[in-house]
C-alpha cells in the first residue's frame, strides 16, 4: 500500500509544482488532489489496521498526513481561497511530525529509506509553513522546485522502487 500511495502522492506533488510554472486548469488540479487524497486515505485505513510496530505506524501516519494535505489543497482550490494560512499551519504540524518520525526511525536503526523520505517530507512541509505563515519570499520562490523535486525524489521514485520490491 505504501508504494501505491507514494506513486499517487508523487503525481500530485509534481502536478502542484508544475502548476506554479505553467497554467494548469484549477478544476482538474482540484479534482486530482481530492482523488489522490481519497485514494491515500482509503489505503491509510488499511495501513493503520495492519500496523504492528512504531515503524509501520509511522508508514500509516505518513499516509494520513498526505491524505489530509491533498484534501486541504483541494478545498482551497475548489473554494478559491485567497488565504492559505490553514495550509501554512498544517505545514508546521506536518513538518514537526515528519522530523520526529525521521529522528525516531534513525534512533531505532529503522530503514534508511524512511529516514530519507521523512526528512524530505519535513523539508517540503516546512517550506509551506515558512512561505505562507512566515512570509519568507525566498522560500516561496523555491516552492515549485521543492514540490517537483519532492514529487519525484521522495514519493514517486521510492513508491516505484517499493512496488518493484527493491526497497522496503
N, C-alpha and C. Protein backbone atom coordinates (compact mmCIF):
# COMPACT_ATOMS: atom_id res chain seq x y z
N UNK A 1 0.82 -1.20 0.00
CA UNK A 1 0.00 0.00 0.00
C UNK A 1 0.87 1.27 0.00
N UNK A 2 1.97 1.25 0.74
CA UNK A 2 2.82 2.43 0.81
C UNK A 2 3.32 2.81 -0.58
N UNK A 3 3.74 1.84 -1.37
CA UNK A 3 4.24 2.13 -2.72
C UNK A 3 3.17 2.77 -3.60
N UNK A 4 1.96 2.24 -3.53
CA UNK A 4 0.85 2.80 -4.32
C UNK A 4 0.58 4.24 -3.89
N UNK A 5 0.51 4.45 -2.58
CA UNK A 5 0.25 5.79 -2.07
C UNK A 5 1.33 6.77 -2.50
N UNK A 6 2.57 6.34 -2.45
CA UNK A 6 3.67 7.23 -2.83
C UNK A 6 3.64 7.57 -4.31
N UNK A 7 3.23 6.63 -5.16
CA UNK A 7 3.10 6.94 -6.58
C UNK A 7 2.08 8.05 -6.79
N UNK A 8 0.92 7.92 -6.15
CA UNK A 8 -0.11 8.94 -6.29
C UNK A 8 0.34 10.27 -5.69
N UNK A 9 0.98 10.23 -4.54
CA UNK A 9 1.48 11.47 -3.92
C UNK A 9 2.50 12.13 -4.84
N UNK A 10 3.34 11.34 -5.46
CA UNK A 10 4.33 11.88 -6.40
C UNK A 10 3.68 12.62 -7.55
N UNK A 11 2.62 12.03 -8.07
CA UNK A 11 1.88 12.69 -9.15
C UNK A 11 1.32 14.03 -8.68
N UNK A 12 0.65 14.03 -7.52
CA UNK A 12 0.01 15.26 -7.04
C UNK A 12 1.04 16.33 -6.69
N UNK A 13 2.13 15.95 -6.02
CA UNK A 13 3.16 16.93 -5.69
C UNK A 13 3.75 17.55 -6.96
N UNK A 14 4.05 16.72 -7.93
CA UNK A 14 4.63 17.21 -9.18
C UNK A 14 3.64 18.10 -9.92
N UNK A 15 2.38 17.69 -9.99
CA UNK A 15 1.34 18.50 -10.62
C UNK A 15 1.23 19.86 -9.94
N UNK A 16 1.23 19.86 -8.61
CA UNK A 16 1.11 21.13 -7.89
C UNK A 16 2.32 22.02 -8.13
N UNK A 17 3.51 21.43 -8.23
CA UNK A 17 4.70 22.21 -8.54
C UNK A 17 4.67 22.78 -9.94
N UNK A 18 4.27 21.95 -10.90
CA UNK A 18 4.19 22.39 -12.29
C UNK A 18 3.15 23.51 -12.43
N UNK A 19 2.09 23.45 -11.63
CA UNK A 19 1.03 24.46 -11.73
C UNK A 19 1.51 25.86 -11.35
N UNK A 20 2.62 25.96 -10.63
CA UNK A 20 3.21 27.26 -10.34
C UNK A 20 3.95 27.81 -11.56
N UNK A 21 4.44 26.91 -12.39
CA UNK A 21 5.30 27.31 -13.50
C UNK A 21 4.55 27.50 -14.81
N UNK A 22 3.40 26.84 -14.94
CA UNK A 22 2.60 26.94 -16.16
C UNK A 22 1.13 26.84 -15.78
N UNK A 23 0.27 27.35 -16.62
CA UNK A 23 -1.17 27.34 -16.32
C UNK A 23 -1.69 25.90 -16.35
N UNK A 24 -2.33 25.52 -15.24
CA UNK A 24 -3.00 24.24 -15.13
C UNK A 24 -4.43 24.54 -14.71
N UNK A 25 -5.39 23.92 -15.35
CA UNK A 25 -6.79 24.15 -15.02
C UNK A 25 -7.04 23.83 -13.54
N UNK A 26 -7.56 24.82 -12.80
CA UNK A 26 -7.76 24.63 -11.36
C UNK A 26 -8.77 23.54 -11.04
N UNK A 27 -9.80 23.39 -11.87
CA UNK A 27 -10.78 22.32 -11.60
C UNK A 27 -10.12 20.95 -11.70
N UNK A 28 -9.30 20.77 -12.71
CA UNK A 28 -8.60 19.49 -12.88
C UNK A 28 -7.60 19.27 -11.76
N UNK A 29 -6.88 20.32 -11.37
CA UNK A 29 -5.91 20.22 -10.29
C UNK A 29 -6.61 19.94 -8.97
N UNK A 30 -7.73 20.61 -8.72
CA UNK A 30 -8.51 20.36 -7.50
C UNK A 30 -9.03 18.93 -7.45
N UNK A 31 -9.56 18.47 -8.59
CA UNK A 31 -10.07 17.09 -8.65
C UNK A 31 -8.95 16.08 -8.46
N UNK A 32 -7.80 16.33 -9.07
CA UNK A 32 -6.66 15.41 -8.91
C UNK A 32 -6.23 15.34 -7.45
N UNK A 33 -6.14 16.48 -6.77
CA UNK A 33 -5.75 16.50 -5.37
C UNK A 33 -6.79 15.78 -4.50
N UNK A 34 -8.07 16.00 -4.77
CA UNK A 34 -9.12 15.33 -3.99
C UNK A 34 -9.08 13.81 -4.20
N UNK A 35 -8.92 13.38 -5.46
CA UNK A 35 -8.87 11.94 -5.74
C UNK A 35 -7.63 11.28 -5.13
N UNK A 36 -6.50 11.95 -5.23
CA UNK A 36 -5.28 11.41 -4.62
C UNK A 36 -5.46 11.33 -3.10
N UNK A 37 -6.03 12.37 -2.50
CA UNK A 37 -6.30 12.34 -1.06
C UNK A 37 -7.20 11.18 -0.68
N UNK A 38 -8.23 10.94 -1.48
CA UNK A 38 -9.17 9.84 -1.21
C UNK A 38 -8.49 8.49 -1.33
N UNK A 39 -7.73 8.29 -2.39
CA UNK A 39 -7.02 7.02 -2.58
C UNK A 39 -6.07 6.76 -1.42
N UNK A 40 -5.31 7.79 -1.05
CA UNK A 40 -4.34 7.62 0.04
C UNK A 40 -5.07 7.39 1.36
N UNK A 41 -6.18 8.08 1.60
CA UNK A 41 -6.93 7.88 2.85
C UNK A 41 -7.48 6.46 2.94
N UNK A 42 -8.00 5.94 1.85
CA UNK A 42 -8.52 4.56 1.85
C UNK A 42 -7.40 3.58 2.17
N UNK A 43 -6.27 3.75 1.50
CA UNK A 43 -5.13 2.87 1.78
C UNK A 43 -4.60 3.07 3.20
N UNK A 44 -4.65 4.30 3.70
CA UNK A 44 -4.17 4.57 5.06
C UNK A 44 -5.01 3.83 6.10
N UNK A 45 -6.29 3.66 5.83
CA UNK A 45 -7.15 2.89 6.74
C UNK A 45 -6.61 1.47 6.86
N UNK A 46 -6.29 0.87 5.74
CA UNK A 46 -5.74 -0.49 5.75
C UNK A 46 -4.36 -0.54 6.39
N UNK A 47 -3.52 0.46 6.11
CA UNK A 47 -2.19 0.50 6.72
C UNK A 47 -2.28 0.66 8.23
N UNK A 48 -3.21 1.47 8.70
CA UNK A 48 -3.37 1.67 10.13
C UNK A 48 -3.82 0.38 10.81
N UNK A 49 -4.75 -0.32 10.20
CA UNK A 49 -5.26 -1.56 10.80
C UNK A 49 -4.22 -2.68 10.78
N UNK A 50 -3.27 -2.61 9.85
CA UNK A 50 -2.25 -3.66 9.74
C UNK A 50 -0.96 -3.31 10.49
N UNK A 51 -0.86 -2.10 11.02
CA UNK A 51 0.37 -1.67 11.69
C UNK A 51 0.63 -2.48 12.95
N UNK A 52 1.88 -2.88 13.13
CA UNK A 52 2.23 -3.73 14.27
C UNK A 52 3.33 -3.14 15.16
N UNK A 53 4.04 -2.15 14.68
CA UNK A 53 5.11 -1.54 15.48
C UNK A 53 5.22 -0.06 15.12
N UNK A 54 6.16 0.63 15.76
CA UNK A 54 6.22 2.07 15.53
C UNK A 54 6.65 2.41 14.10
N UNK A 55 7.37 1.56 13.44
CA UNK A 55 7.75 1.83 12.05
C UNK A 55 6.53 1.74 11.13
N UNK A 56 5.74 0.69 11.26
CA UNK A 56 4.56 0.56 10.41
C UNK A 56 3.47 1.57 10.79
N UNK A 57 3.42 1.94 12.08
CA UNK A 57 2.52 3.03 12.45
C UNK A 57 2.99 4.34 11.82
N UNK A 58 4.31 4.49 11.70
CA UNK A 58 4.87 5.66 11.01
C UNK A 58 4.47 5.71 9.55
N UNK A 59 4.49 4.54 8.88
CA UNK A 59 4.04 4.48 7.49
C UNK A 59 2.59 4.97 7.40
N UNK A 60 1.74 4.46 8.30
CA UNK A 60 0.33 4.85 8.30
C UNK A 60 0.19 6.35 8.57
N UNK A 61 0.96 6.86 9.53
CA UNK A 61 0.90 8.29 9.84
C UNK A 61 1.28 9.13 8.63
N UNK A 62 2.29 8.70 7.91
CA UNK A 62 2.71 9.44 6.71
C UNK A 62 1.56 9.51 5.72
N UNK A 63 0.86 8.43 5.54
CA UNK A 63 -0.22 8.42 4.57
C UNK A 63 -1.39 9.28 5.02
N UNK A 64 -1.67 9.29 6.32
CA UNK A 64 -2.73 10.18 6.81
C UNK A 64 -2.33 11.63 6.61
N UNK A 65 -1.04 11.96 6.84
CA UNK A 65 -0.56 13.32 6.62
C UNK A 65 -0.74 13.74 5.16
N UNK A 66 -0.39 12.83 4.25
CA UNK A 66 -0.53 13.14 2.83
C UNK A 66 -2.00 13.25 2.43
N UNK A 67 -2.85 12.36 2.93
CA UNK A 67 -4.27 12.41 2.57
C UNK A 67 -4.86 13.76 2.97
N UNK A 68 -4.63 14.18 4.22
CA UNK A 68 -5.18 15.45 4.66
C UNK A 68 -4.58 16.62 3.88
N UNK A 69 -3.31 16.52 3.57
CA UNK A 69 -2.63 17.54 2.77
C UNK A 69 -3.38 17.76 1.46
N UNK A 70 -3.71 16.69 0.76
CA UNK A 70 -4.36 16.83 -0.54
C UNK A 70 -5.81 17.27 -0.41
N UNK A 71 -6.48 16.88 0.68
CA UNK A 71 -7.84 17.36 0.90
C UNK A 71 -7.84 18.88 1.17
N UNK A 72 -6.87 19.36 1.94
CA UNK A 72 -6.77 20.80 2.23
C UNK A 72 -6.49 21.57 0.94
N UNK A 73 -5.57 21.07 0.13
CA UNK A 73 -5.26 21.74 -1.13
C UNK A 73 -6.49 21.77 -2.04
N UNK A 74 -7.18 20.63 -2.15
CA UNK A 74 -8.38 20.57 -3.00
C UNK A 74 -9.43 21.57 -2.51
N UNK A 75 -9.63 21.64 -1.19
CA UNK A 75 -10.62 22.57 -0.65
C UNK A 75 -10.24 24.01 -0.97
N UNK A 76 -8.98 24.35 -0.83
CA UNK A 76 -8.53 25.71 -1.16
C UNK A 76 -8.78 26.02 -2.64
N UNK A 77 -8.52 25.04 -3.49
CA UNK A 77 -8.72 25.26 -4.93
C UNK A 77 -10.21 25.40 -5.25
N UNK A 78 -11.03 24.45 -4.76
CA UNK A 78 -12.45 24.47 -5.08
C UNK A 78 -13.17 25.70 -4.54
N UNK A 79 -12.77 26.15 -3.35
CA UNK A 79 -13.41 27.32 -2.74
C UNK A 79 -12.71 28.63 -3.09
N UNK A 80 -11.71 28.53 -3.99
CA UNK A 80 -10.97 29.70 -4.47
C UNK A 80 -10.46 30.56 -3.31
N UNK A 81 -9.87 29.91 -2.34
CA UNK A 81 -9.38 30.58 -1.14
C UNK A 81 -8.17 31.46 -1.47
N UNK A 82 -8.22 32.68 -1.00
CA UNK A 82 -7.09 33.58 -1.15
C UNK A 82 -6.10 33.43 0.00
N UNK A 83 -6.60 33.03 1.13
CA UNK A 83 -5.80 32.91 2.34
C UNK A 83 -5.46 31.44 2.58
N UNK A 84 -4.19 31.11 2.46
CA UNK A 84 -3.74 29.73 2.61
C UNK A 84 -3.14 29.48 4.00
N UNK A 85 -3.47 30.32 4.98
CA UNK A 85 -2.86 30.19 6.30
C UNK A 85 -3.16 28.84 6.95
N UNK A 86 -4.32 28.26 6.67
CA UNK A 86 -4.63 26.93 7.20
C UNK A 86 -3.59 25.93 6.69
N UNK A 87 -3.25 26.03 5.41
CA UNK A 87 -2.25 25.13 4.86
C UNK A 87 -0.87 25.40 5.45
N UNK A 88 -0.54 26.66 5.68
CA UNK A 88 0.73 27.00 6.32
C UNK A 88 0.83 26.43 7.72
N UNK A 89 -0.25 26.52 8.48
CA UNK A 89 -0.27 25.95 9.83
C UNK A 89 -0.19 24.43 9.77
N UNK A 90 -0.90 23.84 8.81
CA UNK A 90 -0.80 22.40 8.61
C UNK A 90 0.63 22.00 8.27
N UNK A 91 1.31 22.83 7.47
CA UNK A 91 2.70 22.57 7.12
C UNK A 91 3.59 22.51 8.35
N UNK A 92 3.36 23.42 9.29
CA UNK A 92 4.14 23.40 10.54
C UNK A 92 3.91 22.10 11.29
N UNK A 93 2.65 21.71 11.44
CA UNK A 93 2.31 20.47 12.14
C UNK A 93 2.92 19.26 11.43
N UNK A 94 2.72 19.17 10.12
CA UNK A 94 3.21 18.01 9.37
C UNK A 94 4.74 17.96 9.37
N UNK A 95 5.40 19.11 9.30
CA UNK A 95 6.87 19.14 9.35
C UNK A 95 7.36 18.62 10.70
N UNK A 96 6.74 19.07 11.79
CA UNK A 96 7.14 18.60 13.12
C UNK A 96 6.99 17.09 13.23
N UNK A 97 5.86 16.57 12.77
CA UNK A 97 5.64 15.12 12.81
C UNK A 97 6.69 14.41 11.95
N UNK A 98 6.96 14.94 10.78
CA UNK A 98 7.93 14.32 9.87
C UNK A 98 9.32 14.25 10.49
N UNK A 99 9.76 15.35 11.07
CA UNK A 99 11.11 15.37 11.66
C UNK A 99 11.19 14.47 12.90
N UNK A 100 10.11 14.38 13.67
CA UNK A 100 10.10 13.46 14.82
C UNK A 100 10.20 12.02 14.34
N UNK A 101 9.41 11.66 13.32
CA UNK A 101 9.48 10.29 12.79
C UNK A 101 10.83 10.00 12.15
N UNK A 102 11.43 10.98 11.49
CA UNK A 102 12.77 10.79 10.92
C UNK A 102 13.76 10.49 12.03
N UNK A 103 13.69 11.28 13.11
CA UNK A 103 14.58 11.06 14.25
C UNK A 103 14.33 9.73 14.93
N UNK A 104 13.08 9.35 15.09
CA UNK A 104 12.74 8.07 15.71
C UNK A 104 13.22 6.91 14.86
N UNK A 105 13.04 7.02 13.56
CA UNK A 105 13.49 5.96 12.66
C UNK A 105 15.01 5.85 12.70
N UNK A 106 15.69 6.98 12.75
CA UNK A 106 17.15 6.98 12.86
C UNK A 106 17.60 6.37 14.19
N UNK A 107 16.96 6.77 15.28
CA UNK A 107 17.34 6.29 16.61
C UNK A 107 17.09 4.78 16.77
N UNK A 108 16.09 4.27 16.07
CA UNK A 108 15.77 2.85 16.20
C UNK A 108 16.41 2.01 15.09
N UNK A 109 17.38 2.61 14.38
CA UNK A 109 18.04 1.91 13.27
C UNK A 109 17.03 1.38 12.25
N UNK A 110 16.00 2.19 11.99
CA UNK A 110 14.99 1.82 11.02
C UNK A 110 15.53 1.94 9.61
N UNK A 111 14.68 1.67 8.64
CA UNK A 111 15.12 1.70 7.24
C UNK A 111 15.64 3.08 6.83
N UNK A 112 16.82 3.10 6.23
CA UNK A 112 17.41 4.37 5.78
C UNK A 112 16.51 5.08 4.78
N UNK A 113 15.77 4.31 3.99
CA UNK A 113 14.87 4.91 3.01
C UNK A 113 13.81 5.76 3.71
N UNK A 114 13.33 5.29 4.87
CA UNK A 114 12.30 6.04 5.58
C UNK A 114 12.89 7.28 6.25
N UNK A 115 14.12 7.20 6.72
CA UNK A 115 14.76 8.39 7.29
C UNK A 115 14.86 9.46 6.20
N UNK A 116 15.30 9.06 5.02
CA UNK A 116 15.39 9.97 3.87
C UNK A 116 14.03 10.56 3.53
N UNK A 117 13.01 9.70 3.40
CA UNK A 117 11.69 10.18 2.99
C UNK A 117 11.09 11.11 4.04
N UNK A 118 11.17 10.73 5.33
CA UNK A 118 10.64 11.60 6.38
C UNK A 118 11.36 12.94 6.37
N UNK A 119 12.67 12.94 6.19
CA UNK A 119 13.43 14.19 6.13
C UNK A 119 13.00 15.06 4.96
N UNK A 120 12.85 14.46 3.80
CA UNK A 120 12.42 15.21 2.61
C UNK A 120 11.00 15.77 2.81
N UNK A 121 10.11 14.97 3.39
CA UNK A 121 8.75 15.45 3.63
C UNK A 121 8.75 16.58 4.66
N UNK A 122 9.62 16.48 5.65
CA UNK A 122 9.74 17.56 6.63
C UNK A 122 10.16 18.86 5.97
N UNK A 123 11.11 18.77 5.04
CA UNK A 123 11.55 19.95 4.30
C UNK A 123 10.38 20.51 3.47
N UNK A 124 9.66 19.62 2.81
CA UNK A 124 8.53 20.02 1.99
C UNK A 124 7.51 20.80 2.81
N UNK A 125 7.08 20.24 3.93
CA UNK A 125 6.04 20.88 4.74
C UNK A 125 6.58 22.12 5.46
N UNK A 126 7.86 22.13 5.81
CA UNK A 126 8.46 23.33 6.41
C UNK A 126 8.40 24.49 5.42
N UNK A 127 8.65 24.19 4.18
CA UNK A 127 8.61 25.21 3.14
C UNK A 127 7.23 25.85 3.08
N UNK A 128 6.17 25.04 3.19
CA UNK A 128 4.81 25.60 3.19
C UNK A 128 4.59 26.54 4.37
N UNK A 129 5.05 26.14 5.53
CA UNK A 129 4.92 26.98 6.73
C UNK A 129 5.72 28.27 6.58
N UNK A 130 6.97 28.14 6.17
CA UNK A 130 7.85 29.32 6.08
C UNK A 130 7.36 30.31 5.02
N UNK A 131 6.87 29.80 3.90
CA UNK A 131 6.42 30.69 2.82
C UNK A 131 5.08 31.34 3.15
N UNK A 132 4.16 30.58 3.71
CA UNK A 132 2.79 31.09 3.90
C UNK A 132 2.65 31.85 5.22
N UNK A 133 3.00 31.23 6.33
CA UNK A 133 2.78 31.89 7.62
C UNK A 133 3.88 32.87 7.99
N UNK A 134 5.10 32.58 7.59
CA UNK A 134 6.21 33.47 7.94
C UNK A 134 6.47 34.50 6.85
N UNK A 135 5.92 34.29 5.67
CA UNK A 135 6.04 35.24 4.58
C UNK A 135 7.44 35.39 4.01
N UNK A 136 8.24 34.34 4.08
CA UNK A 136 9.61 34.41 3.57
C UNK A 136 9.56 34.23 2.05
N UNK A 137 9.76 35.32 1.34
CA UNK A 137 9.62 35.32 -0.13
C UNK A 137 10.63 34.42 -0.83
N UNK A 138 11.85 34.34 -0.29
CA UNK A 138 12.87 33.49 -0.91
C UNK A 138 12.42 32.03 -0.91
N UNK A 139 11.75 31.61 0.15
CA UNK A 139 11.23 30.24 0.23
C UNK A 139 10.11 30.06 -0.78
N UNK A 140 9.24 31.07 -0.88
CA UNK A 140 8.11 30.99 -1.80
C UNK A 140 8.57 30.82 -3.25
N UNK A 141 9.69 31.46 -3.60
CA UNK A 141 10.22 31.32 -4.96
C UNK A 141 10.71 29.91 -5.24
N UNK A 142 11.09 29.19 -4.20
CA UNK A 142 11.55 27.81 -4.36
C UNK A 142 10.41 26.80 -4.40
N UNK A 143 9.21 27.23 -4.04
CA UNK A 143 8.07 26.32 -3.89
C UNK A 143 7.89 25.37 -5.07
N UNK A 144 7.80 25.85 -6.32
CA UNK A 144 7.56 24.90 -7.40
C UNK A 144 8.66 23.85 -7.52
N UNK A 145 9.89 24.27 -7.29
CA UNK A 145 11.02 23.35 -7.44
C UNK A 145 11.05 22.33 -6.30
N UNK A 146 10.74 22.78 -5.09
CA UNK A 146 10.68 21.86 -3.94
C UNK A 146 9.57 20.83 -4.16
N UNK A 147 8.43 21.29 -4.66
CA UNK A 147 7.32 20.37 -4.92
C UNK A 147 7.69 19.33 -5.98
N UNK A 148 8.28 19.79 -7.06
CA UNK A 148 8.64 18.87 -8.15
C UNK A 148 9.73 17.89 -7.69
N UNK A 149 10.76 18.40 -7.04
CA UNK A 149 11.83 17.52 -6.56
C UNK A 149 11.29 16.50 -5.58
N UNK A 150 10.47 16.96 -4.61
CA UNK A 150 9.89 16.02 -3.65
C UNK A 150 8.93 15.05 -4.33
N UNK A 151 8.16 15.56 -5.30
CA UNK A 151 7.23 14.69 -6.01
C UNK A 151 7.93 13.53 -6.70
N UNK A 152 9.10 13.80 -7.22
CA UNK A 152 9.86 12.75 -7.92
C UNK A 152 10.75 11.97 -6.96
N UNK A 153 11.55 12.70 -6.16
CA UNK A 153 12.62 12.05 -5.38
C UNK A 153 12.17 11.43 -4.07
N UNK A 154 11.09 11.94 -3.46
CA UNK A 154 10.73 11.38 -2.16
C UNK A 154 9.41 10.64 -2.16
N UNK A 155 8.71 10.64 -3.30
CA UNK A 155 7.46 9.89 -3.35
C UNK A 155 7.37 8.98 -4.58
N UNK A 156 7.45 9.54 -5.78
CA UNK A 156 7.26 8.71 -6.97
C UNK A 156 8.33 7.62 -7.10
N UNK A 157 9.60 8.01 -7.07
CA UNK A 157 10.68 7.02 -7.24
C UNK A 157 10.67 6.00 -6.10
N UNK A 158 10.61 6.42 -4.81
CA UNK A 158 10.53 5.40 -3.75
C UNK A 158 9.29 4.52 -3.88
N UNK A 159 8.15 5.10 -4.25
CA UNK A 159 6.95 4.29 -4.43
C UNK A 159 7.13 3.24 -5.50
N UNK A 160 7.73 3.63 -6.60
CA UNK A 160 8.01 2.70 -7.70
C UNK A 160 8.98 1.61 -7.24
N UNK A 161 10.03 1.99 -6.50
CA UNK A 161 11.01 1.01 -6.02
C UNK A 161 10.40 0.06 -4.99
N UNK A 162 9.47 0.55 -4.18
CA UNK A 162 8.77 -0.32 -3.22
C UNK A 162 7.94 -1.34 -3.98
N UNK A 163 7.20 -0.89 -5.00
CA UNK A 163 6.35 -1.79 -5.77
C UNK A 163 7.17 -2.82 -6.54
N UNK A 164 8.39 -2.46 -6.93
CA UNK A 164 9.26 -3.40 -7.62
C UNK A 164 9.97 -4.35 -6.63
N UNK A 165 9.83 -4.09 -5.33
CA UNK A 165 10.47 -4.93 -4.32
C UNK A 165 11.94 -4.62 -4.13
N UNK A 166 12.41 -3.48 -4.59
CA UNK A 166 13.82 -3.14 -4.47
C UNK A 166 14.14 -2.55 -3.11
N UNK A 167 13.23 -1.74 -2.55
CA UNK A 167 13.42 -1.20 -1.21
C UNK A 167 12.24 -1.56 -0.32
N UNK A 168 12.46 -1.47 0.97
CA UNK A 168 11.47 -1.77 1.98
C UNK A 168 10.81 -3.08 1.70
